[in-house]
Amino acid sequence: MDSKLLEILVCPVCKGPLVFDKSAQELICKADRLAFPVRDGIPMMLESEARELPADEEVRGG
């Protein structure tokens, strides 16, 4: 994930910051507990594409 792109991307739901989880290839919004997939280097920034993080799943990334 390009660091410049990561600097300007925000959560489409709350406009908060995102953290890139390299191992899972996801952009994580800690506030909304949503994980947006990154496919072939392209972030899928639609709420309908995101998966909800279960309450017991640790929010990774960074």
PDB file of N, CA and C in Angstrom:
ATOM      1  N   MET A   1       0.860  -1.179   0.000  1.00  0.00           N
ATOM      2  CA  MET A   1       0.000   0.000   0.000  1.00  0.00           C
ATOM      3  C   MET A   1       0.896   1.229   0.000  1.00  0.00           C
ATOM      4  N   ASP A   2       0.659   2.115  -0.914  1.00  0.00           N
ATOM      5  CA  ASP A   2       1.424   3.350  -1.034  1.00  0.00           C
ATOM      6  C   ASP A   2       1.173   4.219   0.193  1.00  0.00           C
ATOM      7  N   SER A   3       2.225   4.646   0.867  1.00  0.00           N
ATOM      8  CA  SER A   3       2.072   5.445   2.090  1.00  0.00           C
ATOM      9  C   SER A   3       1.416   6.791   1.815  1.00  0.00           C
ATOM     10  N   LYS A   4       1.650   7.365   0.656  1.00  0.00           N
ATOM     11  CA  LYS A   4       1.008   8.647   0.301  1.00  0.00           C
ATOM     12  C   LYS A   4      -0.500   8.465   0.169  1.00  0.00           C
ATOM     13  N   LEU A   5      -0.918   7.357  -0.427  1.00  0.00           N
ATOM     14  CA  LEU A   5      -2.338   7.070  -0.573  1.00  0.00           C
ATOM     15  C   LEU A   5      -2.972   6.840   0.797  1.00  0.00           C
ATOM     16  N   LEU A   6      -2.282   6.122   1.650  1.00  0.00           N
ATOM     17  CA  LEU A   6      -2.786   5.841   2.989  1.00  0.00           C
ATOM     18  C   LEU A   6      -2.981   7.124   3.793  1.00  0.00           C
ATOM     19  N   GLU A   7      -2.145   8.118   3.552  1.00  0.00           N
ATOM     20  CA  GLU A   7      -2.258   9.396   4.261  1.00  0.00           C
ATOM     21  C   GLU A   7      -3.545  10.136   3.924  1.00  0.00           C
ATOM     22  N   ILE A   8      -4.049   9.980   2.705  1.00  0.00           N
ATOM     23  CA  ILE A   8      -5.231  10.749   2.301  1.00  0.00           C
ATOM     24  C   ILE A   8      -6.543   9.971   2.406  1.00  0.00           C
ATOM     25  N   LEU A   9      -6.450   8.638   2.497  1.00  0.00           N
ATOM     26  CA  LEU A   9      -7.667   7.846   2.615  1.00  0.00           C
ATOM     27  C   LEU A   9      -8.252   7.947   4.024  1.00  0.00           C
ATOM     28  N   VAL A  10      -9.570   8.045   4.096  1.00  0.00           N
ATOM     29  CA  VAL A  10     -10.278   8.044   5.374  1.00  0.00           C
ATOM     30  C   VAL A  10     -11.446   7.070   5.286  1.00  0.00           C
ATOM     31  N   CYS A  11     -11.978   6.707   6.428  1.00  0.00           N
ATOM     32  CA  CYS A  11     -13.142   5.833   6.468  1.00  0.00           C
ATOM     33  C   CYS A  11     -14.315   6.520   5.778  1.00  0.00           C
ATOM     34  N   PRO A  12     -14.993   5.846   4.860  1.00  0.00           N
ATOM     35  CA  PRO A  12     -16.134   6.465   4.180  1.00  0.00           C
ATOM     36  C   PRO A  12     -17.351   6.629   5.096  1.00  0.00           C
ATOM     37  N   VAL A  13     -17.345   5.975   6.246  1.00  0.00           N
ATOM     38  CA  VAL A  13     -18.475   6.055   7.165  1.00  0.00           C
ATOM     39  C   VAL A  13     -18.322   7.234   8.119  1.00  0.00           C
ATOM     40  N   CYS A  14     -17.165   7.276   8.833  1.00  0.00           N
ATOM     41  CA  CYS A  14     -16.994   8.307   9.864  1.00  0.00           C
ATOM     42  C   CYS A  14     -15.945   9.355   9.503  1.00  0.00           C
ATOM     43  N   LYS A  15     -15.266   9.186   8.388  1.00  0.00           N
ATOM     44  CA  LYS A  15     -14.193  10.078   7.933  1.00  0.00           C
ATOM     45  C   LYS A  15     -12.980  10.043   8.850  1.00  0.00           C
ATOM     46  N   GLY A  16     -12.869   8.981   9.641  1.00  0.00           N
ATOM     47  CA  GLY A  16     -11.736   8.815  10.550  1.00  0.00           C
ATOM     48  C   GLY A  16     -10.549   8.170   9.859  1.00  0.00           C
ATOM     49  N   PRO A  17      -9.429   8.091  10.570  1.00  0.00           N
ATOM     50  CA  PRO A  17      -8.206   7.512   9.994  1.00  0.00           C
ATOM     51  C   PRO A  17      -8.318   6.002   9.818  1.00  0.00           C
ATOM     52  N   LEU A  18      -7.523   5.499   8.889  1.00  0.00           N
ATOM     53  CA  LEU A  18      -7.469   4.059   8.614  1.00  0.00           C
ATOM     54  C   LEU A  18      -6.072   3.542   8.888  1.00  0.00           C
ATOM     55  N   VAL A  19      -5.983   2.284   9.294  1.00  0.00           N
ATOM     56  CA  VAL A  19      -4.709   1.619   9.540  1.00  0.00           C
ATOM     57  C   VAL A  19      -4.628   0.440   8.577  1.00  0.00           C
ATOM     58  N   PHE A  20      -3.480   0.302   7.914  1.00  0.00           N
ATOM     59  CA  PHE A  20      -3.303  -0.786   6.958  1.00  0.00           C
ATOM     60  C   PHE A  20      -2.797  -2.028   7.673  1.00  0.00           C
ATOM     61  N   ASP A  21      -3.541  -3.111   7.546  1.00  0.00           N
ATOM     62  CA  ASP A  21      -3.126  -4.420   8.070  1.00  0.00           C
ATOM     63  C   ASP A  21      -2.545  -5.182   6.886  1.00  0.00           C
ATOM     64  N   LYS A  22      -1.219  -5.184   6.790  1.00  0.00           N
ATOM     65  CA  LYS A  22      -0.547  -5.767   5.633  1.00  0.00           C
ATOM     66  C   LYS A  22      -0.811  -7.262   5.502  1.00  0.00           C
ATOM     67  N   SER A  23      -0.807  -7.983   6.629  1.00  0.00           N
ATOM     68  CA  SER A  23      -0.978  -9.435   6.560  1.00  0.00           C
ATOM     69  C   SER A  23      -2.362  -9.831   6.046  1.00  0.00           C
ATOM     70  N   ALA A  24      -3.388  -9.054   6.396  1.00  0.00           N
ATOM     71  CA  ALA A  24      -4.750  -9.365   5.955  1.00  0.00           C
ATOM     72  C   ALA A  24      -5.142  -8.594   4.693  1.00  0.00           C
ATOM     73  N   GLN A  25      -4.278  -7.652   4.263  1.00  0.00           N
ATOM     74  CA  GLN A  25      -4.589  -6.797   3.109  1.00  0.00           C
ATOM     75  C   GLN A  25      -5.932  -6.090   3.318  1.00  0.00           C
ATOM     76  N   GLU A  26      -6.040  -5.388   4.452  1.00  0.00           N
ATOM     77  CA  GLU A  26      -7.253  -4.652   4.789  1.00  0.00           C
ATOM     78  C   GLU A  26      -6.885  -3.289   5.365  1.00  0.00           C
ATOM     79  N   LEU A  27      -7.774  -2.331   5.113  1.00  0.00           N
ATOM     80  CA  LEU A  27      -7.692  -1.031   5.767  1.00  0.00           C
ATOM     81  C   LEU A  27      -8.698  -1.055   6.907  1.00  0.00           C
ATOM     82  N   ILE A  28      -8.240  -0.788   8.119  1.00  0.00           N
ATOM     83  CA  ILE A  28      -9.056  -0.920   9.316  1.00  0.00           C
ATOM     84  C   ILE A  28      -9.466   0.447   9.843  1.00  0.00           C
ATOM     85  N   CYS A  29     -10.757   0.591  10.122  1.00  0.00           N
ATOM     86  CA  CYS A  29     -11.262   1.757  10.845  1.00  0.00           C
ATOM     87  C   CYS A  29     -11.531   1.276  12.269  1.00  0.00           C
ATOM     88  N   LYS A  30     -10.685   1.715  13.209  1.00  0.00           N
ATOM     89  CA  LYS A  30     -10.820   1.275  14.590  1.00  0.00           C
ATOM     90  C   LYS A  30     -12.101   1.806  15.227  1.00  0.00           C
ATOM     91  N   ALA A  31     -12.510   3.011  14.861  1.00  0.00           N
ATOM     92  CA  ALA A  31     -13.702   3.620  15.456  1.00  0.00           C
ATOM     93  C   ALA A  31     -14.971   2.845  15.099  1.00  0.00           C
ATOM     94  N   ASP A  32     -15.109   2.468  13.838  1.00  0.00           N
ATOM     95  CA  ASP A  32     -16.314   1.759  13.380  1.00  0.00           C
ATOM     96  C   ASP A  32     -16.147   0.242  13.385  1.00  0.00           C
ATOM     97  N   ARG A  33     -14.928  -0.227  13.665  1.00  0.00           N
ATOM     98  CA  ARG A  33     -14.611  -1.666  13.651  1.00  0.00           C
ATOM     99  C   ARG A  33     -14.993  -2.282  12.300  1.00  0.00           C
ATOM    100  N   LEU A  34     -14.530  -1.607  11.232  1.00  0.00           N
ATOM    101  CA  LEU A  34     -14.753  -2.086   9.873  1.00  0.00           C
ATOM    102  C   LEU A  34     -13.405  -2.341   9.212  1.00  0.00           C
ATOM    103  N   ALA A  35     -13.362  -3.373   8.382  1.00  0.00           N
ATOM    104  CA  ALA A  35     -12.161  -3.716   7.624  1.00  0.00           C
ATOM    105  C   ALA A  35     -12.499  -3.670   6.135  1.00  0.00           C
ATOM    106  N   PHE A  36     -11.845  -2.760   5.427  1.00  0.00           N
ATOM    107  CA  PHE A  36     -12.060  -2.608   3.990  1.00  0.00           C
ATOM    108  C   PHE A  36     -10.975  -3.381   3.248  1.00  0.00           C
ATOM    109  N   PRO A  37     -11.355  -4.273   2.343  1.00  0.00           N
ATOM    110  CA  PRO A  37     -10.351  -5.084   1.644  1.00  0.00           C
ATOM    111  C   PRO A  37      -9.527  -4.278   0.644  1.00  0.00           C
ATOM    112  N   VAL A  38      -8.293  -4.723   0.445  1.00  0.00           N
ATOM    113  CA  VAL A  38      -7.425  -4.173  -0.595  1.00  0.00           C
ATOM    114  C   VAL A  38      -7.188  -5.310  -1.574  1.00  0.00           C
ATOM    115  N   ARG A  39      -7.684  -5.130  -2.796  1.00  0.00           N
ATOM    116  CA  ARG A  39      -7.574  -6.177  -3.820  1.00  0.00           C
ATOM    117  C   ARG A  39      -6.674  -5.704  -4.953  1.00  0.00           C
ATOM    118  N   ASP A  40      -5.632  -6.457  -5.208  1.00  0.00           N
ATOM    119  CA  ASP A  40      -4.665  -6.104  -6.254  1.00  0.00           C
ATOM    120  C   ASP A  40      -4.145  -4.684  -6.084  1.00  0.00           C
ATOM    121  N   GLY A  41      -3.939  -4.287  -4.816  1.00  0.00           N
ATOM    122  CA  GLY A  41      -3.413  -2.960  -4.514  1.00  0.00           C
ATOM    123  C   GLY A  41      -4.436  -1.850  -4.539  1.00  0.00           C
ATOM    124  N   ILE A  42      -5.712  -2.191  -4.776  1.00  0.00           N
ATOM    125  CA  ILE A  42      -6.772  -1.179  -4.865  1.00  0.00           C
ATOM    126  C   ILE A  42      -7.692  -1.292  -3.649  1.00  0.00           C
ATOM    127  N   PRO A  43      -7.781  -0.221  -2.840  1.00  0.00           N
ATOM    128  CA  PRO A  43      -8.670  -0.264  -1.682  1.00  0.00           C
ATOM    129  C   PRO A  43     -10.140  -0.226  -2.112  1.00  0.00           C
ATOM    130  N   MET A  44     -10.927  -1.128  -1.583  1.00  0.00           N
ATOM    131  CA  MET A  44     -12.370  -1.175  -1.838  1.00  0.00           C
ATOM    132  C   MET A  44     -13.057  -0.375  -0.724  1.00  0.00           C
ATOM    133  N   MET A  45     -13.330   0.883  -1.005  1.00  0.00           N
ATOM    134  CA  MET A  45     -13.784   1.804   0.033  1.00  0.00           C
ATOM    135  C   MET A  45     -15.301   1.968   0.084  1.00  0.00           C
ATOM    136  N   LEU A  46     -16.017   0.916  -0.200  1.00  0.00           N
ATOM    137  CA  LEU A  46     -17.476   0.942  -0.105  1.00  0.00           C
ATOM    138  C   LEU A  46     -17.893   0.260   1.187  1.00  0.00           C
ATOM    139  N   GLU A  47     -18.846   0.849   1.888  1.00  0.00           N
ATOM    140  CA  GLU A  47     -19.321   0.249   3.137  1.00  0.00           C
ATOM    141  C   GLU A  47     -19.832  -1.172   2.897  1.00  0.00           C
ATOM    142  N   SER A  48     -20.435  -1.403   1.738  1.00  0.00           N
ATOM    143  CA  SER A  48     -20.965  -2.727   1.418  1.00  0.00           C
ATOM    144  C   SER A  48     -19.857  -3.766   1.224  1.00  0.00           C
ATOM    145  N   GLU A  49     -18.630  -3.336   0.925  1.00  0.00           N
ATOM    146  CA  GLU A  49     -17.492  -4.243   0.743  1.00  0.00           C
ATOM    147  C   GLU A  49     -16.793  -4.563   2.064  1.00  0.00           C
ATOM    148  N   ALA A  50     -17.023  -3.749   3.083  1.00  0.00           N
ATOM    149  CA  ALA A  50     -16.312  -3.906   4.356  1.00  0.00           C
ATOM    150  C   ALA A  50     -16.871  -5.075   5.158  1.00  0.00           C
ATOM    151  N   ARG A  51     -15.978  -5.637   5.984  1.00  0.00           N
ATOM    152  CA  ARG A  51     -16.462  -6.647   6.920  1.00  0.00           C
ATOM    153  C   ARG A  51     -16.409  -6.038   8.317  1.00  0.00           C
ATOM    154  N   GLU A  52     -17.391  -6.396   9.112  1.00  0.00           N
ATOM    155  CA  GLU A  52     -17.423  -5.914  10.485  1.00  0.00           C
ATOM    156  C   GLU A  52     -16.468  -6.763  11.313  1.00  0.00           C
ATOM    157  N   LEU A  53     -15.702  -6.090  12.146  1.00  0.00           N
ATOM    158  CA  LEU A  53     -14.790  -6.809  13.027  1.00  0.00           C
ATOM    159  C   LEU A  53     -15.554  -7.257  14.264  1.00  0.00           C
ATOM    160  N   PRO A  54     -15.526  -8.542  14.573  1.00  0.00           N
ATOM    161  CA  PRO A  54     -16.212  -9.025  15.772  1.00  0.00           C
ATOM    162  C   PRO A  54     -15.627  -8.369  17.018  1.00  0.00           C
ATOM    163  N   ALA A  55     -16.421  -8.243  18.051  1.00  0.00           N
ATOM    164  CA  ALA A  55     -16.011  -7.581  19.284  1.00  0.00           C
ATOM    165  C   ALA A  55     -14.777  -8.235  19.902  1.00  0.00           C
ATOM    166  N   ASP A  56     -14.626  -9.548  19.702  1.00  0.00           N
ATOM    167  CA  ASP A  56     -13.496 -10.252  20.309  1.00  0.00           C
ATOM    168  C   ASP A  56     -12.242 -10.277  19.432  1.00  0.00           C
ATOM    169  N   GLU A  57     -12.336  -9.694  18.218  1.00  0.00           N
ATOM    170  CA  GLU A  57     -11.165  -9.675  17.328  1.00  0.00           C
ATOM    171  C   GLU A  57     -10.327  -8.439  17.633  1.00  0.00           C
ATOM    172  N   GLU A  58      -9.053  -8.681  17.856  1.00  0.00           N
ATOM    173  CA  GLU A  58      -8.139  -7.582  18.124  1.00  0.00           C
ATOM    174  C   GLU A  58      -7.953  -6.759  16.851  1.00  0.00           C
ATOM    175  N   VAL A  59      -7.994  -5.449  16.996  1.00  0.00           N
ATOM    176  CA  VAL A  59      -7.772  -4.570  15.854  1.00  0.00           C
ATOM    177  C   VAL A  59      -6.277  -4.477  15.628  1.00  0.00           C
ATOM    178  N   ARG A  60      -5.822  -5.040  14.492  1.00  0.00           N
ATOM    179  CA  ARG A  60      -4.400  -5.056  14.169  1.00  0.00           C
ATOM    180  C   ARG A  60      -4.079  -3.872  13.261  1.00  0.00           C
ATOM    181  N   GLY A  61      -2.876  -3.902  12.795  1.00  0.00           N
ATOM    182  CA  GLY A  61      -2.443  -2.899  11.830  1.00  0.00           C
ATOM    183  C   GLY A  61      -1.412  -1.971  12.409  1.00  0.00           C
ATOM    184  N   GLY A  62      -0.859  -1.173  11.529  1.00  0.00           N
ATOM    185  CA  GLY A  62       0.127  -0.216  11.979  1.00  0.00           C
ATOM    186  C   GLY A  62       1.500  -0.544  11.493  1.00  0.00           C
TER     187      GLY A  62
END
